[in-house]
Protein backbone atom coordinates (compact mmCIF):
# COMPACT_ATOMS: atom_id res chain seq x y z
CA MET A 1 181.61 108.71 126.19
CA ASP A 2 181.48 105.18 124.87
CA VAL A 3 184.67 105.25 122.83
CA HIS A 4 186.50 102.10 121.77
CA PRO A 5 189.85 103.10 120.25
CA ALA A 6 191.81 100.56 118.27
CA PRO A 7 195.06 99.58 119.95
CA SER A 8 198.01 101.79 119.13
CA SER A 9 201.14 103.00 120.78
CA ALA A 10 201.58 105.99 118.52
CA THR A 11 201.85 109.22 120.40
CA ASP A 12 204.38 111.10 118.31
CA GLY A 13 204.02 114.78 117.59
CA ALA A 14 203.17 114.27 113.93
CA ALA A 15 200.03 112.40 114.92
CA LEU A 16 198.87 115.55 116.70
CA ASP A 17 199.25 117.90 113.74
CA GLN A 18 196.42 120.40 113.58
CA LEU A 19 195.19 122.62 110.79
CA ASN A 20 195.61 126.38 111.11
CA ARG A 21 192.66 128.57 112.02
CA GLY A 22 191.63 130.61 109.01
CA PHE A 23 187.85 130.44 108.69
CA SER A 24 185.35 132.65 110.50
CA PHE A 25 181.71 131.77 111.17
CA ARG A 26 180.81 133.51 107.93
CA SER A 27 183.37 131.45 106.01
CA ALA A 28 182.10 128.18 107.50
CA LEU A 29 178.52 129.17 106.66
CA SER A 30 179.56 130.05 103.10
CA LEU A 31 181.23 126.67 102.67
CA ALA A 32 178.15 124.80 103.90
CA PHE A 33 175.93 126.93 101.66
CA ALA A 34 178.12 126.34 98.60
CA ASP A 35 178.33 122.61 99.26
CA VAL A 36 174.54 122.22 99.24
CA SER A 37 174.23 124.92 96.52
CA PRO A 38 170.69 126.09 95.66
CA ILE A 39 171.38 125.90 91.92
CA VAL A 40 172.76 122.36 92.07
CA ALA A 41 170.10 121.26 94.56
CA LEU A 42 167.22 122.57 92.45
CA TYR A 43 168.40 121.84 88.93
CA THR A 44 169.47 118.30 89.77
CA ILE A 45 166.07 117.13 90.97
CA PHE A 46 163.42 119.59 89.72
CA THR A 47 162.57 117.74 86.51
CA LEU A 48 162.64 114.33 88.20
CA GLY A 49 160.36 115.46 91.01
CA LEU A 50 157.93 117.34 88.76
CA PHE A 51 157.54 114.43 86.35
CA ALA A 52 157.20 111.94 89.22
CA ALA A 53 154.51 113.68 91.26
CA GLY A 54 153.41 116.80 89.40
CA PRO A 55 153.22 120.24 91.05
CA ARG A 56 152.53 118.68 94.44
CA PHE A 57 156.14 117.49 94.50
CA PHE A 58 156.84 120.96 95.91
CA TRP A 59 155.71 119.67 99.30
CA ALA A 60 158.54 117.15 99.33
CA PHE A 61 160.89 120.09 99.96
CA PRO A 62 159.52 121.11 103.39
CA ILE A 63 159.19 117.45 104.41
CA VAL A 64 162.81 116.65 103.59
CA LEU A 65 164.00 119.98 104.96
CA VAL A 66 162.43 119.29 108.36
CA GLY A 67 164.02 115.83 108.48
CA GLN A 68 167.44 117.11 107.43
CA LEU A 69 167.24 120.02 109.86
CA ALA A 70 166.83 117.47 112.65
CA VAL A 71 169.97 115.73 111.37
CA ALA A 72 171.75 119.09 111.16
CA ALA A 73 170.78 119.86 114.77
CA VAL A 74 172.30 116.55 115.91
CA PHE A 75 175.41 117.32 113.87
CA GLY A 76 175.50 120.69 115.61
CA GLU A 77 175.70 119.02 119.01
CA LEU A 78 178.28 116.50 117.79
CA SER A 79 180.46 119.17 116.17
CA SER A 80 180.37 121.27 119.33
CA ARG A 81 181.55 118.28 121.34
CA TRP A 82 184.24 117.17 118.85
CA PRO A 83 185.27 120.03 116.54
CA TYR A 84 187.91 118.09 114.61
CA ALA A 85 188.69 117.78 110.91
CA GLY A 86 186.58 115.14 109.21
CA SER A 87 183.01 115.77 110.44
CA VAL A 88 181.11 112.45 110.26
CA TYR A 89 184.30 110.43 110.76
CA GLN A 90 185.24 112.23 113.96
CA TRP A 91 181.71 112.37 115.33
CA ALA A 92 180.98 108.68 114.79
CA ARG A 93 184.37 107.62 116.13
CA HIS A 94 184.17 109.70 119.30
CA VAL A 95 180.51 109.10 120.08
CA ARG A 96 180.64 105.36 119.38
CA SER A 97 183.80 103.56 118.23
CA THR A 98 186.67 103.44 115.76
CA THR A 99 184.82 100.95 113.56
CA TRP A 100 181.80 103.24 113.35
CA GLY A 101 183.95 106.25 112.54
CA TRP A 102 185.97 104.46 109.89
CA THR A 103 182.81 103.14 108.22
CA ALA A 104 181.31 106.64 108.10
CA ALA A 105 184.56 107.99 106.66
CA TRP A 106 184.72 105.28 103.98
CA ALA A 107 181.19 106.01 102.75
CA TYR A 108 181.78 109.76 102.96
CA MET A 109 185.10 109.74 101.11
CA TRP A 110 183.76 107.70 98.22
CA GLY A 111 180.44 109.52 98.00
CA LEU A 112 182.01 112.97 97.87
CA THR A 113 184.90 112.04 95.59
CA ILE A 114 182.50 110.56 93.06
CA ALA A 115 180.43 113.73 93.42
CA LEU A 116 183.49 115.78 92.42
CA SER A 117 183.63 113.99 89.07
CA THR A 118 179.93 114.55 88.37
CA LEU A 119 180.10 118.23 89.37
CA ALA A 120 183.13 118.84 87.14
CA TYR A 121 181.58 116.96 84.22
CA ALA A 122 178.28 118.85 84.55
CA ALA A 123 180.07 122.21 84.79
CA ALA A 124 182.09 121.31 81.70
CA GLY A 125 178.93 120.49 79.76
CA PHE A 126 177.35 123.83 80.63
CA LEU A 127 180.59 125.71 79.89
CA ILE A 128 180.83 124.14 76.44
CA GLU A 129 177.30 125.38 75.71
CA VAL A 130 178.29 128.88 76.85
CA PHE A 131 180.95 128.92 74.12
CA GLY A 132 178.43 127.74 71.55
CA VAL A 133 180.00 124.37 70.80
CA GLU A 134 177.35 122.09 69.33
CA ASN A 135 177.31 118.33 69.82
CA PRO A 136 180.62 118.08 71.72
CA GLY A 137 182.10 114.64 71.96
CA ARG A 138 182.41 112.78 75.22
CA TRP A 139 186.15 113.29 75.32
CA THR A 140 185.84 117.03 74.72
CA THR A 141 183.60 117.35 77.76
CA ALA A 142 185.88 115.05 79.77
CA ALA A 143 188.96 117.10 78.85
CA LEU A 144 187.30 120.33 79.99
CA ALA A 145 186.14 118.58 83.18
CA LEU A 146 189.76 117.65 83.89
CA VAL A 147 190.73 121.31 83.48
CA ILE A 148 187.99 122.30 85.96
CA ILE A 149 189.27 119.68 88.41
CA GLY A 150 192.80 121.02 88.02
CA VAL A 151 191.82 124.66 88.54
CA GLY A 152 189.52 123.79 91.46
CA THR A 153 192.23 121.70 93.09
CA ALA A 154 194.77 124.50 92.72
CA THR A 155 192.27 126.89 94.34
CA ASN A 156 191.90 124.57 97.33
CA MET A 157 195.66 124.05 97.60
CA ILE A 158 196.68 127.72 97.40
CA GLY A 159 195.16 128.58 100.73
CA ARG A 160 192.08 129.49 102.70
CA ARG A 161 191.98 133.16 101.73
CA PHE A 162 191.74 132.49 97.99
CA LEU A 163 189.20 129.71 98.59
CA LYS A 164 187.04 132.05 100.67
CA ILE A 165 187.09 134.72 97.96
CA MET A 166 186.09 132.24 95.26
CA ILE A 167 183.27 130.73 97.30
CA VAL A 168 181.83 134.08 98.42
CA ALA A 169 181.86 135.37 94.83
CA SER A 170 180.12 132.21 93.65
CA ILE A 171 177.51 132.35 96.40
CA THR A 172 176.71 135.97 95.59
CA CYS A 173 176.00 135.01 91.98
CA GLU A 174 173.92 132.03 93.09
CA ILE A 175 171.74 134.02 95.46
CA ILE A 176 171.17 136.80 92.94
CA GLY A 177 170.39 134.26 90.25
CA SER A 178 168.10 132.05 92.33
CA VAL A 179 166.22 134.63 94.39
CA GLY A 180 166.22 137.34 91.74
CA LEU A 181 164.94 135.01 89.05
CA GLY A 182 162.24 133.68 91.38
CA ILE A 183 161.01 137.19 92.20
CA VAL A 184 160.83 138.16 88.52
CA LEU A 185 158.96 134.97 87.59
CA LEU A 186 156.39 135.42 90.36
CA ALA A 187 155.92 139.14 89.77
CA PHE A 188 155.70 139.22 85.98
CA TYR A 189 155.47 135.74 84.48
CA ARG A 190 153.16 133.68 86.67
CA GLU A 191 151.12 131.33 84.46
CA ASN A 192 149.42 129.17 87.08
CA PRO A 193 147.42 129.99 90.23
CA PHE A 194 148.92 129.38 93.67
CA SER A 195 146.36 126.61 94.13
CA THR A 196 148.39 124.62 91.59
CA LEU A 197 150.83 123.75 94.36
CA PHE A 198 148.00 122.08 96.29
CA HIS A 199 146.42 120.34 93.31
CA GLY A 200 146.17 116.60 93.72
CA LEU A 201 147.72 116.47 97.19
CA PRO A 202 147.54 112.83 98.33
CA ASP A 203 145.80 111.63 101.45
CA VAL A 204 147.76 110.42 104.46
CA SER A 205 148.22 106.85 103.21
CA ALA A 206 149.48 108.00 99.81
CA TRP A 207 152.42 109.86 101.37
CA THR A 208 154.00 106.49 102.17
CA ALA A 209 153.77 105.05 98.67
CA GLY A 210 153.83 105.96 95.03
CA PRO A 211 154.78 109.27 93.42
CA MET A 212 155.17 111.35 96.59
CA LEU A 213 157.52 108.85 98.18
CA LEU A 214 159.58 108.95 94.99
CA ALA A 215 159.54 112.76 95.04
CA ILE A 216 160.76 112.70 98.65
CA ALA A 217 163.57 110.36 97.59
CA TYR A 218 164.60 112.69 94.77
CA THR A 219 164.45 115.71 97.06
CA GLY A 220 166.68 113.83 99.49
CA TRP A 221 169.40 114.07 96.87
CA ALA A 222 169.32 117.86 97.13
CA PHE A 223 169.64 118.60 100.84
CA VAL A 224 173.05 117.12 101.63
CA GLY A 225 176.45 118.75 102.10
CA PHE A 226 175.62 120.96 105.08
CA GLU A 227 177.96 118.90 107.28
CA SER A 228 180.93 120.36 105.36
CA ALA A 229 181.24 123.14 107.95
CA GLY A 230 182.09 120.36 110.41
CA SER A 231 184.80 118.98 108.13
CA ILE A 232 186.77 122.22 108.46
CA ALA A 233 186.04 122.60 112.20
CA GLU A 234 189.70 122.74 113.23
CA GLU A 235 190.16 125.71 110.88
CA VAL A 236 187.19 127.71 112.23
CA ASP A 237 187.47 130.31 114.98
CA ASP A 238 185.60 129.26 118.13
CA PRO A 239 184.35 126.07 116.41
CA GLU A 240 182.33 124.82 119.37
CA ARG A 241 179.89 127.68 118.77
CA ASN A 242 180.39 128.70 115.15
CA VAL A 243 180.37 125.31 113.41
CA PRO A 244 176.95 124.18 114.75
CA LYS A 245 175.39 127.47 113.67
CA ALA A 246 177.00 127.22 110.23
CA ILE A 247 175.73 123.66 109.71
CA ILE A 248 172.14 124.50 110.62
CA LEU A 249 171.93 127.92 108.97
CA GLY A 250 173.66 126.68 105.82
CA LEU A 251 171.00 124.02 105.29
CA LEU A 252 168.12 126.29 106.30
CA SER A 253 169.12 129.13 103.99
CA VAL A 254 169.61 126.88 100.97
CA GLY A 255 166.40 125.01 101.76
CA LEU A 256 164.32 128.18 101.85
CA ILE A 257 165.87 129.50 98.63
CA VAL A 258 165.25 126.19 96.85
CA MET A 259 161.63 126.10 98.03
CA PHE A 260 161.04 129.66 96.85
CA SER A 261 162.72 129.07 93.48
CA SER A 262 160.89 125.79 92.87
CA ALA A 263 157.50 127.36 93.66
CA ALA A 264 158.28 130.25 91.30
CA LEU A 265 159.26 127.86 88.52
CA ILE A 266 156.18 125.65 88.93
CA LEU A 267 153.85 128.64 88.87
CA ALA A 268 155.59 130.08 85.79
CA ILE A 269 155.50 126.95 83.58
CA PRO A 270 153.41 127.64 80.45
CA ASN A 271 151.01 124.84 79.44
CA LEU A 272 151.76 122.90 82.60
CA ASP A 273 149.35 120.07 81.79
CA ARG A 274 150.99 119.48 78.42
CA VAL A 275 154.47 119.54 79.96
CA LEU A 276 153.42 116.93 82.53
CA THR A 277 151.75 114.76 79.88
CA GLU A 278 154.56 114.80 77.33
CA GLN A 279 157.51 114.82 79.79
CA ALA A 280 159.79 115.45 76.84
CA ASP A 281 161.77 118.62 77.51
CA ASP A 282 163.61 120.23 80.40
CA PRO A 283 160.87 122.29 82.13
CA VAL A 284 163.40 124.67 83.72
CA ALA A 285 165.05 125.66 80.44
CA GLY A 286 161.72 125.58 78.59
CA THR A 287 160.06 127.94 81.07
CA LEU A 288 162.90 130.46 81.07
CA LEU A 289 163.22 130.42 77.28
CA ALA A 290 159.45 130.90 76.89
CA HIS A 291 159.44 133.98 79.11
CA PHE A 292 162.82 135.58 78.41
CA GLY A 293 163.66 134.34 74.94
CA ALA A 294 166.93 132.95 73.66
CA GLY A 295 168.83 135.80 75.31
CA ILE A 296 168.44 134.15 78.72
CA ALA A 297 170.24 131.00 77.61
CA LYS A 298 173.82 132.16 78.06
CA PRO A 299 173.34 133.93 81.44
CA LEU A 300 171.46 130.86 82.65
CA LEU A 301 174.26 128.55 81.58
CA ILE A 302 176.85 130.80 83.25
CA MET A 303 174.79 130.68 86.44
CA PHE A 304 174.81 126.87 86.28
CA VAL A 305 178.58 126.82 85.72
CA ILE A 306 179.13 129.06 88.75
CA GLY A 307 176.83 126.94 90.92
CA PHE A 308 178.46 123.64 90.02
CA ILE A 309 182.02 124.97 90.34
CA SER A 310 181.35 126.57 93.74
CA SER A 311 179.86 123.28 94.90
CA PHE A 312 182.96 121.47 93.58
CA LEU A 313 185.25 123.72 95.63
CA ALA A 314 183.25 123.19 98.82
CA VAL A 315 182.89 119.43 98.35
CA GLN A 316 186.62 119.03 97.71
CA ALA A 317 187.48 121.07 100.79
CA ALA A 318 185.18 118.88 102.90
CA VAL A 319 186.27 115.46 101.65
CA SER A 320 189.98 116.34 101.74
CA ARG A 321 189.67 117.17 105.46
CA CYS A 322 188.00 113.83 106.10
CA ILE A 323 190.82 112.03 104.28
CA TRP A 324 193.42 114.06 106.15
CA GLY A 325 191.71 113.47 109.51
CA ALA A 326 191.61 109.71 108.94
CA ALA A 327 195.23 109.74 107.76
CA ARG A 328 196.31 111.68 110.87
CA ASP A 329 194.85 108.78 112.86
CA ARG A 330 196.74 106.34 110.59
CA GLY A 331 193.45 104.93 109.39
CA LEU A 332 194.35 104.87 105.69
CA PRO A 333 197.14 103.35 103.59
CA GLY A 334 199.80 105.94 102.89
CA ALA A 335 198.81 107.80 106.05
CA ALA A 336 202.19 109.51 106.42
CA LEU A 337 201.83 111.03 102.95
CA LEU A 338 198.11 111.85 103.11
CA GLY A 339 198.43 113.33 106.60
CA LYS A 340 201.10 115.81 105.59
CA LEU A 341 200.50 119.58 105.78
CA ALA A 342 202.37 122.00 103.52
CA GLY A 343 202.71 125.64 102.61
CA PRO A 344 202.51 128.78 104.74
CA GLU A 345 198.85 128.04 105.55
CA ARG A 346 199.55 124.37 106.35
CA MET A 347 197.10 122.92 103.84
CA PRO A 348 196.45 119.15 103.42
CA ILE A 349 197.66 119.30 99.83
CA ASN A 350 198.25 115.56 99.41
CA ALA A 351 194.74 114.73 100.58
CA ILE A 352 193.37 117.40 98.23
CA GLY A 353 195.51 116.01 95.42
CA LEU A 354 194.22 112.48 95.99
CA THR A 355 190.62 113.63 95.50
CA ALA A 356 191.64 115.27 92.22
CA VAL A 357 193.38 112.14 90.94
CA VAL A 358 190.45 109.84 91.75
CA ALA A 359 187.84 112.31 90.45
CA GLY A 360 189.87 112.77 87.27
CA ALA A 361 190.08 109.02 86.71
CA LEU A 362 186.31 108.76 87.18
CA VAL A 363 185.70 111.56 84.67
CA LEU A 364 187.48 109.46 82.05
CA LEU A 365 184.80 106.81 82.62
CA ALA A 366 181.96 109.29 82.02
CA GLY A 367 179.31 107.95 79.70
CA SER A 368 180.08 104.32 80.52
CA SER A 369 177.79 101.96 82.41
CA LEU A 370 180.35 101.72 85.22
CA PHE A 371 180.31 105.50 85.68
CA ASN A 372 176.51 105.57 85.75
CA ILE A 373 176.51 102.88 88.43
CA LEU A 374 179.14 104.67 90.54
CA VAL A 375 177.41 108.05 90.29
CA ASN A 376 174.39 106.78 92.17
CA PHE A 377 176.57 105.96 95.18
CA THR A 378 177.01 109.70 95.69
CA VAL A 379 173.60 110.01 97.32
CA ILE A 380 173.54 106.80 99.33
CA GLY A 381 177.13 107.45 100.45
CA PHE A 382 175.97 110.69 102.05
CA TYR A 383 173.06 109.03 103.82
CA ILE A 384 175.14 106.14 105.16
CA ALA A 385 177.77 108.59 106.41
CA PHE A 386 175.05 110.74 107.99
CA GLY A 387 173.19 107.87 109.59
CA ILE A 388 176.14 106.36 111.45
CA PRO A 389 176.92 109.34 113.76
CA VAL A 390 173.21 110.13 114.22
CA LEU A 391 172.52 106.56 115.31
CA GLY A 392 175.59 106.71 117.55
CA ALA A 393 174.26 109.88 119.20
CA ALA A 394 170.89 108.20 119.78
CA ILE A 395 172.56 105.19 121.42
CA ALA A 396 174.65 107.50 123.61
CA ARG A 397 171.48 109.21 124.84
CA LEU A 398 169.64 105.94 125.39
CA THR A 399 172.52 104.58 127.47
CA GLY A 400 172.94 107.79 129.46
CA LYS A 401 176.44 108.46 128.11
CA TRP A 402 175.80 111.72 126.28
CA THR A 403 177.64 114.84 127.47
CA PRO A 404 176.72 118.04 125.61
CA GLY A 405 179.22 120.60 124.36
CA ARG A 406 178.88 124.37 124.28
CA PHE A 407 176.08 124.09 121.73
CA SER A 408 173.18 122.10 123.13
CA LEU A 409 169.56 121.47 122.18
CA GLY A 410 168.69 121.26 125.86
CA ARG A 411 165.56 119.31 126.71
CA TRP A 412 164.77 119.03 123.00
CA GLY A 413 168.02 117.17 122.38
CA ALA A 414 166.73 113.65 123.00
CA PRO A 415 163.46 113.85 120.99
CA ILE A 416 165.18 115.60 118.08
CA THR A 417 167.96 112.99 118.07
CA TYR A 418 165.48 110.11 118.08
CA PHE A 419 163.39 111.74 115.34
CA ALA A 420 166.53 112.35 113.26
CA THR A 421 167.50 108.68 113.68
CA VAL A 422 164.13 107.42 112.48
CA TRP A 423 164.14 109.92 109.62
CA ILE A 424 167.65 109.13 108.38
CA ILE A 425 167.03 105.37 108.45
CA ALA A 426 163.70 105.69 106.61
CA GLN A 427 165.09 108.11 104.04
CA THR A 428 168.17 105.95 103.44
CA VAL A 429 165.92 103.00 102.63
CA ASN A 430 163.70 105.22 100.47
CA VAL A 431 166.63 106.64 98.51
CA ALA A 432 168.33 103.27 98.00
CA TRP A 433 165.19 101.29 97.17
CA PRO A 434 165.53 99.81 93.64
CA ARG A 435 162.88 101.35 91.39
CA THR A 436 162.18 100.36 87.82
CA GLN A 437 163.08 103.15 85.43
CA PRO A 438 161.82 102.87 81.85
CA GLY A 439 164.61 102.14 79.43
CA GLN A 440 167.21 101.49 82.12
CA PRO A 441 168.95 98.12 82.58
CA TRP A 442 168.50 96.28 85.86
CA TYR A 443 171.95 97.17 87.16
CA ILE A 444 171.13 100.89 87.04
CA ASN A 445 167.96 100.31 89.06
CA TRP A 446 170.00 98.34 91.59
CA SER A 447 173.10 100.54 91.36
CA MET A 448 172.96 101.90 94.93
CA VAL A 449 172.71 98.40 96.35
CA ILE A 450 175.48 97.12 94.07
CA THR A 451 177.92 99.94 94.81
CA THR A 452 177.22 99.84 98.54
CA ALA A 453 177.89 96.09 98.61
CA ALA A 454 181.03 96.31 96.45
CA LEU A 455 182.58 99.26 98.29
CA GLY A 456 181.50 97.69 101.57
CA VAL A 457 183.47 94.51 100.86
CA ILE A 458 186.54 96.51 99.81
CA GLY A 459 186.19 98.66 102.92
CA VAL A 460 185.99 95.67 105.26
CA LEU A 461 189.15 94.15 103.76
CA LEU A 462 191.01 97.46 103.98
CA TYR A 463 189.88 98.13 107.55
CA LEU A 464 190.94 94.67 108.74
CA ARG A 465 194.38 95.34 107.26
CA GLN A 466 194.66 98.85 108.70
CA ARG A 467 192.93 98.75 112.08
CA ASN A 468 195.94 97.77 114.19
CA ASN A 469 197.76 100.89 113.00
CA ILE A 470 195.00 103.31 114.00
CA THR A 471 195.80 105.63 116.88
CA GLU A 472 193.50 106.70 119.66
CA PRO A 473 190.82 109.26 118.73
CA VAL A 474 192.31 112.70 118.27
CA GLY A 475 190.17 114.11 121.07
CA GLN A 476 191.79 111.75 123.57
CA ARG A 477 195.29 112.48 122.29
CA LEU A 478 194.78 116.23 122.44
CA SER A 479 193.33 115.96 125.95
CA ALA A 480 196.32 113.90 127.06
CA THR A 481 198.78 116.52 125.83
CA ALA A 482 196.82 119.59 127.02
CA PRO A 483 198.42 119.82 130.52
CA LYS A 484 201.85 119.44 128.97
CA ASP A 485 201.14 122.20 126.46
CA ALA A 486 199.75 124.43 129.18
CA GLY A 487 202.86 124.04 131.21
């Protein structure tokens, strides 16, 4: 492969620390599922998409799902070839170069850590409503969000077994809530004909402009996080086979559930035309309250709390492995501390702790203009981190330097990789494109560009300072020591 490691003479044993195996295929799939989270994916963008394009926004889901499945398939091949902690960081570094890998890691670490603060803050807001607190102050919500961060961090630090139990329990509630609610709405509370989903579908030219393009951008916010199974690859049994399947099936299962739930909600909205005209209230809450009464409010809020907390746990597990993987390669300041493993299950507790500290600091900014600007980097951070290894895989194929692992797309590998590359570039531009939002200052409309530029400058300065300390890619170091270990 075309790998360009930064110069380093480090070959000590600590640099070759590896995480313990403790996750099965089912556990990796559960983590990917929880990271994407059908509840978070749907609730986050349903109102935005519906108000932007009407009922036809439903068709943005299959469009984005197909594009992201192509990306997931490429990730499957990359993870089979390099099943090391850190997902996008390891894939980009091994398939292309250290600079590419570090850039992907930088975007990924910031995007996911900021996401932790938003997930905790949202869960806190819903939890406060569960307890019937009216008009809570900003600091009340922030304080509860800090508690959620603390409990979630402790869960991730305790060990893999406890984390698996928490995530599986959360996923069970999510599936029952999402699928069960959708079935009930379609069977007993359908207000609109199925033709509503096809009403006002644009012609071919309109798909590339206007409301549908905006709906596709919003939907792009929902279908991310499936790569998390790759972040824990070193902890998964038989990762060359199990991680690719977990990445692809995690996205596919959430995507299908979200599509089903969104269709059920659209078809169950009372007075749909009035809702679209006024655009005043939350159509999800309004629809459920109209059909089930006030009694549905608390169970619904509990379902949201479970969804956001399970996503928090999965996101923190994923980003902490990326931080730990980069620290093991001495790619970050404080690498010796961040790369340390502790406890009977050898967990990266310092890397996990760092995510908690940064997310907690960001929660204290909640409600400020700075926080609103930073939050929007969550989405573009994902897409930048996704695009770098996908583009690297495409270049490897074009230059004849691609060698497949145990999981391979066969003759479909090249066309799927090229399609995924075009898709991820186009969708990144679409998501980041500054759009005028009524009532929002200019810096919110340009927030993704601003945060990308600012974090990019900081990243360049940090990388220039750190690059001479970075070791060879972990795959090369492990290969070099394999004969010695075997003997």
